[in-house]
Amino acid sequence: MGANHKNNNGLEHETSRVGTWISLGVLAAVLLGTYLLFFGVYFDRL
């Protein structure tokens, strides 16, 4: 039972790390999208 519990903790850690990477990816996509939006609006005004 102890080994099984340890395995679950390791699995949760992996899921947490994947969640962190997904969060970073979403944040990067939002920042990039905002940048492109402002870039497009800026060039539209020229």
N, C-alpha and C. Protein backbone atom coordinates (compact mmCIF):
# COMPACT_ATOMS: atom_id res chain seq x y z
N MET A 1 0.82 -1.19 0.00
CA MET A 1 0.00 0.00 0.00
C MET A 1 0.87 1.26 0.00
N GLY A 2 2.02 1.19 0.71
CA GLY A 2 2.91 2.36 0.76
C GLY A 2 3.47 2.70 -0.61
N ALA A 3 3.87 1.67 -1.37
CA ALA A 3 4.43 1.89 -2.70
C ALA A 3 3.37 2.47 -3.63
N ASN A 4 2.16 1.97 -3.51
CA ASN A 4 1.07 2.45 -4.35
C ASN A 4 0.79 3.93 -4.07
N HIS A 5 0.82 4.30 -2.79
CA HIS A 5 0.58 5.70 -2.40
C HIS A 5 1.68 6.61 -2.98
N LYS A 6 2.91 6.11 -2.95
CA LYS A 6 4.05 6.87 -3.49
C LYS A 6 3.87 7.08 -5.00
N ASN A 7 3.41 6.03 -5.67
CA ASN A 7 3.19 6.11 -7.11
C ASN A 7 2.13 7.16 -7.45
N ASN A 8 1.07 7.22 -6.64
CA ASN A 8 0.02 8.21 -6.87
C ASN A 8 0.56 9.63 -6.71
N ASN A 9 1.42 9.83 -5.71
CA ASN A 9 2.01 11.15 -5.51
C ASN A 9 2.85 11.55 -6.72
N GLY A 10 3.61 10.60 -7.25
CA GLY A 10 4.44 10.88 -8.42
C GLY A 10 3.57 11.24 -9.62
N LEU A 11 2.47 10.54 -9.77
CA LEU A 11 1.55 10.80 -10.87
C LEU A 11 0.94 12.18 -10.74
N GLU A 12 0.55 12.54 -9.53
CA GLU A 12 -0.01 13.87 -9.29
C GLU A 12 1.01 14.95 -9.61
N HIS A 13 2.27 14.71 -9.25
CA HIS A 13 3.34 15.68 -9.53
C HIS A 13 3.48 15.87 -11.05
N GLU A 14 3.45 14.78 -11.80
CA GLU A 14 3.54 14.87 -13.26
C GLU A 14 2.36 15.65 -13.82
N THR A 15 1.15 15.36 -13.34
CA THR A 15 -0.04 16.08 -13.81
C THR A 15 0.08 17.56 -13.49
N SER A 16 0.58 17.88 -12.30
CA SER A 16 0.76 19.27 -11.89
C SER A 16 1.74 19.98 -12.83
N ARG A 17 2.82 19.29 -13.18
CA ARG A 17 3.82 19.89 -14.06
C ARG A 17 3.24 20.12 -15.46
N VAL A 18 2.47 19.16 -15.94
CA VAL A 18 1.82 19.32 -17.25
C VAL A 18 0.84 20.50 -17.19
N GLY A 19 0.11 20.60 -16.09
CA GLY A 19 -0.83 21.72 -15.93
C GLY A 19 -0.10 23.05 -15.95
N THR A 20 1.08 23.08 -15.35
CA THR A 20 1.89 24.31 -15.34
C THR A 20 2.30 24.68 -16.76
N TRP A 21 2.74 23.69 -17.54
CA TRP A 21 3.13 23.96 -18.92
C TRP A 21 1.95 24.42 -19.76
N ILE A 22 0.76 23.82 -19.52
CA ILE A 22 -0.44 24.23 -20.26
C ILE A 22 -0.79 25.67 -19.90
N SER A 23 -0.69 26.01 -18.61
CA SER A 23 -0.97 27.38 -18.17
C SER A 23 0.00 28.36 -18.83
N LEU A 24 1.29 28.01 -18.87
CA LEU A 24 2.27 28.86 -19.52
C LEU A 24 1.98 29.01 -21.01
N GLY A 25 1.58 27.91 -21.63
CA GLY A 25 1.25 27.96 -23.06
C GLY A 25 0.05 28.85 -23.34
N VAL A 26 -0.98 28.74 -22.49
CA VAL A 26 -2.17 29.58 -22.65
C VAL A 26 -1.79 31.05 -22.44
N LEU A 27 -1.00 31.32 -21.41
CA LEU A 27 -0.56 32.69 -21.12
C LEU A 27 0.23 33.27 -22.30
N ALA A 28 1.13 32.47 -22.86
CA ALA A 28 1.93 32.91 -24.01
C ALA A 28 1.03 33.18 -25.22
N ALA A 29 0.03 32.31 -25.43
CA ALA A 29 -0.88 32.48 -26.56
C ALA A 29 -1.70 33.76 -26.40
N VAL A 30 -2.16 34.03 -25.18
CA VAL A 30 -2.94 35.25 -24.92
C VAL A 30 -2.08 36.49 -25.15
N LEU A 31 -0.85 36.47 -24.63
CA LEU A 31 0.06 37.61 -24.82
C LEU A 31 0.37 37.83 -26.30
N LEU A 32 0.62 36.73 -27.01
CA LEU A 32 0.93 36.83 -28.44
C LEU A 32 -0.29 37.35 -29.21
N GLY A 33 -1.48 36.84 -28.86
CA GLY A 33 -2.71 37.30 -29.52
C GLY A 33 -2.96 38.78 -29.27
N THR A 34 -2.73 39.22 -28.03
CA THR A 34 -2.91 40.64 -27.69
C THR A 34 -1.92 41.49 -28.46
N TYR A 35 -0.67 41.03 -28.52
CA TYR A 35 0.37 41.74 -29.26
C TYR A 35 0.01 41.88 -30.74
N LEU A 36 -0.44 40.77 -31.34
CA LEU A 36 -0.83 40.81 -32.75
C LEU A 36 -2.03 41.72 -32.96
N LEU A 37 -2.96 41.72 -32.00
CA LEU A 37 -4.15 42.58 -32.11
C LEU A 37 -3.74 44.05 -32.10
N PHE A 38 -2.89 44.44 -31.15
CA PHE A 38 -2.41 45.82 -31.09
C PHE A 38 -1.57 46.16 -32.32
N PHE A 39 -0.77 45.22 -32.79
CA PHE A 39 0.05 45.40 -33.97
C PHE A 39 -0.84 45.67 -35.19
N GLY A 40 -1.91 44.86 -35.32
CA GLY A 40 -2.85 45.04 -36.43
C GLY A 40 -3.59 46.37 -36.37
N VAL A 41 -4.02 46.76 -35.18
CA VAL A 41 -4.72 48.03 -35.00
C VAL A 41 -3.78 49.20 -35.32
N TYR A 42 -2.53 49.09 -34.87
CA TYR A 42 -1.53 50.14 -35.11
C TYR A 42 -1.29 50.32 -36.61
N PHE A 43 -1.11 49.22 -37.33
CA PHE A 43 -0.86 49.31 -38.77
C PHE A 43 -2.11 49.73 -39.53
N ASP A 44 -3.28 49.42 -38.97
CA ASP A 44 -4.53 49.82 -39.60
C ASP A 44 -4.69 51.34 -39.55
N ARG A 45 -4.13 51.96 -38.52
CA ARG A 45 -4.24 53.42 -38.35
C ARG A 45 -3.26 54.17 -39.24
N LEU A 46 -2.18 53.52 -39.68
CA LEU A 46 -1.19 54.20 -40.51
C LEU A 46 -1.74 54.57 -41.88
